[in-house]
């Protein structure tokens, strides 16, 4: 197996393991960051979307990539779900 493919598999395994531990792994400018998922979702919607690179400004600047449409939809869904979450807590 080539080195690049092996690194991808190691990263995939790490992210899946963290998910099993209740953590979310994010790619940031400073590298990978992990956070407790239950704590992560407690932050304000704007921060949540920013950390996920799904805030309106970021998504709309990536319109050259056709997946921007789904990213925009994800932003809308997260925003609505966060409203429901915040009302319940």
C-alpha atoms as a PDB file:
ATOM      1  CA  UNK A   1       0.000   0.000   0.000  1.00  0.00           C
ATOM      2  CA  UNK A   2       1.356   3.444  -0.820  1.00  0.00           C
ATOM      3  CA  UNK A   3       2.212   5.904   1.939  1.00  0.00           C
ATOM      4  CA  UNK A   4      -0.545   8.403   1.052  1.00  0.00           C
ATOM      5  CA  UNK A   5      -3.274   5.773   1.109  1.00  0.00           C
ATOM      6  CA  UNK A   6      -1.973   4.358   4.390  1.00  0.00           C
ATOM      7  CA  UNK A   7      -2.028   7.824   6.007  1.00  0.00           C
ATOM      8  CA  UNK A   8      -5.640   8.305   4.881  1.00  0.00           C
ATOM      9  CA  UNK A   9      -6.631   4.983   6.431  1.00  0.00           C
ATOM     10  CA  UNK A  10      -4.888   5.843   9.703  1.00  0.00           C
ATOM     11  CA  UNK A  11      -6.675   9.218   9.781  1.00  0.00           C
ATOM     12  CA  UNK A  12     -10.012   7.559   9.010  1.00  0.00           C
ATOM     13  CA  UNK A  13      -9.488   5.037  11.823  1.00  0.00           C
ATOM     14  CA  UNK A  14      -8.549   7.821  14.250  1.00  0.00           C
ATOM     15  CA  UNK A  15     -11.644   9.887  13.406  1.00  0.00           C
ATOM     16  CA  UNK A  16     -13.935   6.853  13.661  1.00  0.00           C
ATOM     17  CA  UNK A  17     -12.391   5.910  17.020  1.00  0.00           C
ATOM     18  CA  UNK A  18     -12.908   9.435  18.358  1.00  0.00           C
ATOM     19  CA  UNK A  19     -16.536   9.316  17.163  1.00  0.00           C
ATOM     20  CA  UNK A  20     -17.036   6.119  19.184  1.00  0.00           C
ATOM     21  CA  UNK A  21     -15.647   8.008  22.187  1.00  0.00           C
ATOM     22  CA  UNK A  22     -18.256  10.763  21.711  1.00  0.00           C
ATOM     23  CA  UNK A  23     -15.805  13.230  20.218  1.00  0.00           C
ATOM     24  CA  UNK A  24     -15.849  15.221  16.992  1.00  0.00           C
ATOM     25  CA  UNK A  25     -12.639  15.817  15.027  1.00  0.00           C
ATOM     26  CA  UNK A  26     -12.315  19.020  13.015  1.00  0.00           C
ATOM     27  CA  UNK A  27      -9.680  20.219  10.553  1.00  0.00           C
ATOM     28  CA  UNK A  28      -8.536  23.712  11.534  1.00  0.00           C
ATOM     29  CA  UNK A  29      -5.833  26.081  10.323  1.00  0.00           C
ATOM     30  CA  UNK A  30      -3.708  24.831  13.210  1.00  0.00           C
ATOM     31  CA  UNK A  31      -4.317  21.142  12.414  1.00  0.00           C
ATOM     32  CA  UNK A  32      -6.778  18.618  13.767  1.00  0.00           C
ATOM     33  CA  UNK A  33      -8.851  19.547  16.800  1.00  0.00           C
ATOM     34  CA  UNK A  34     -11.065  17.263  18.822  1.00  0.00           C
ATOM     35  CA  UNK A  35     -13.923  18.196  21.096  1.00  0.00           C
ATOM     36  CA  UNK A  36     -16.487  16.432  23.195  1.00  0.00           C
ATOM     37  CA  UNK A  37     -19.567  16.305  20.941  1.00  0.00           C
ATOM     38  CA  UNK A  38     -22.027  17.015  23.757  1.00  0.00           C
ATOM     39  CA  UNK A  39     -20.070  20.136  24.727  1.00  0.00           C
ATOM     40  CA  UNK A  40     -19.417  21.184  21.121  1.00  0.00           C
ATOM     41  CA  UNK A  41     -23.109  21.445  20.258  1.00  0.00           C
ATOM     42  CA  UNK A  42     -23.791  23.706  23.247  1.00  0.00           C
ATOM     43  CA  UNK A  43     -22.010  26.650  21.641  1.00  0.00           C
ATOM     44  CA  UNK A  44     -23.959  29.346  19.758  1.00  0.00           C
ATOM     45  CA  UNK A  45     -25.067  28.429  16.229  1.00  0.00           C
ATOM     46  CA  UNK A  46     -22.667  30.900  14.596  1.00  0.00           C
ATOM     47  CA  UNK A  47     -19.678  29.335  16.374  1.00  0.00           C
ATOM     48  CA  UNK A  48     -20.848  25.833  15.582  1.00  0.00           C
ATOM     49  CA  UNK A  49     -21.199  26.579  11.872  1.00  0.00           C
ATOM     50  CA  UNK A  50     -17.887  28.469  11.822  1.00  0.00           C
ATOM     51  CA  UNK A  51     -16.016  25.573  13.422  1.00  0.00           C
ATOM     52  CA  UNK A  52     -17.550  23.209  10.873  1.00  0.00           C
ATOM     53  CA  UNK A  53     -16.705  25.567   7.965  1.00  0.00           C
ATOM     54  CA  UNK A  54     -20.412  25.679   7.180  1.00  0.00           C
ATOM     55  CA  UNK A  55     -21.147  29.293   8.038  1.00  0.00           C
ATOM     56  CA  UNK A  56     -22.897  31.265   5.289  1.00  0.00           C
ATOM     57  CA  UNK A  57     -19.844  33.312   4.244  1.00  0.00           C
ATOM     58  CA  UNK A  58     -17.545  30.298   3.948  1.00  0.00           C
ATOM     59  CA  UNK A  59     -20.060  28.200   2.019  1.00  0.00           C
ATOM     60  CA  UNK A  60     -20.818  30.995  -0.435  1.00  0.00           C
ATOM     61  CA  UNK A  61     -17.118  31.601  -1.118  1.00  0.00           C
ATOM     62  CA  UNK A  62     -16.746  27.964  -2.200  1.00  0.00           C
ATOM     63  CA  UNK A  63     -19.296  28.115  -5.023  1.00  0.00           C
ATOM     64  CA  UNK A  64     -16.737  26.814  -7.554  1.00  0.00           C
ATOM     65  CA  UNK A  65     -17.143  23.418  -5.898  1.00  0.00           C
ATOM     66  CA  UNK A  66     -20.549  21.907  -6.749  1.00  0.00           C
ATOM     67  CA  UNK A  67     -20.814  20.494  -3.221  1.00  0.00           C
ATOM     68  CA  UNK A  68     -21.434  24.051  -1.985  1.00  0.00           C
ATOM     69  CA  UNK A  69     -25.139  23.414  -2.584  1.00  0.00           C
ATOM     70  CA  UNK A  70     -25.208  20.543  -0.085  1.00  0.00           C
ATOM     71  CA  UNK A  71     -22.962  22.493   2.292  1.00  0.00           C
ATOM     72  CA  UNK A  72     -25.494  25.332   2.209  1.00  0.00           C
ATOM     73  CA  UNK A  73     -28.292  22.851   2.896  1.00  0.00           C
ATOM     74  CA  UNK A  74     -26.277  21.438   5.812  1.00  0.00           C
ATOM     75  CA  UNK A  75     -25.928  24.955   7.209  1.00  0.00           C
ATOM     76  CA  UNK A  76     -29.691  25.452   7.029  1.00  0.00           C
ATOM     77  CA  UNK A  77     -30.443  22.095   8.675  1.00  0.00           C
ATOM     78  CA  UNK A  78     -27.912  22.621  11.469  1.00  0.00           C
ATOM     79  CA  UNK A  79     -29.335  26.078  12.130  1.00  0.00           C
ATOM     80  CA  UNK A  80     -32.890  24.727  12.410  1.00  0.00           C
ATOM     81  CA  UNK A  81     -31.866  21.744  14.544  1.00  0.00           C
ATOM     82  CA  UNK A  82     -29.889  24.043  16.842  1.00  0.00           C
ATOM     83  CA  UNK A  83     -33.008  26.204  17.283  1.00  0.00           C
ATOM     84  CA  UNK A  84     -34.940  23.111  18.379  1.00  0.00           C
ATOM     85  CA  UNK A  85     -32.090  22.044  20.671  1.00  0.00           C
ATOM     86  CA  UNK A  86     -31.833  25.466  22.290  1.00  0.00           C
ATOM     87  CA  UNK A  87     -35.588  25.597  22.932  1.00  0.00           C
ATOM     88  CA  UNK A  88     -35.439  22.228  24.703  1.00  0.00           C
ATOM     89  CA  UNK A  89     -32.553  23.126  27.000  1.00  0.00           C
END
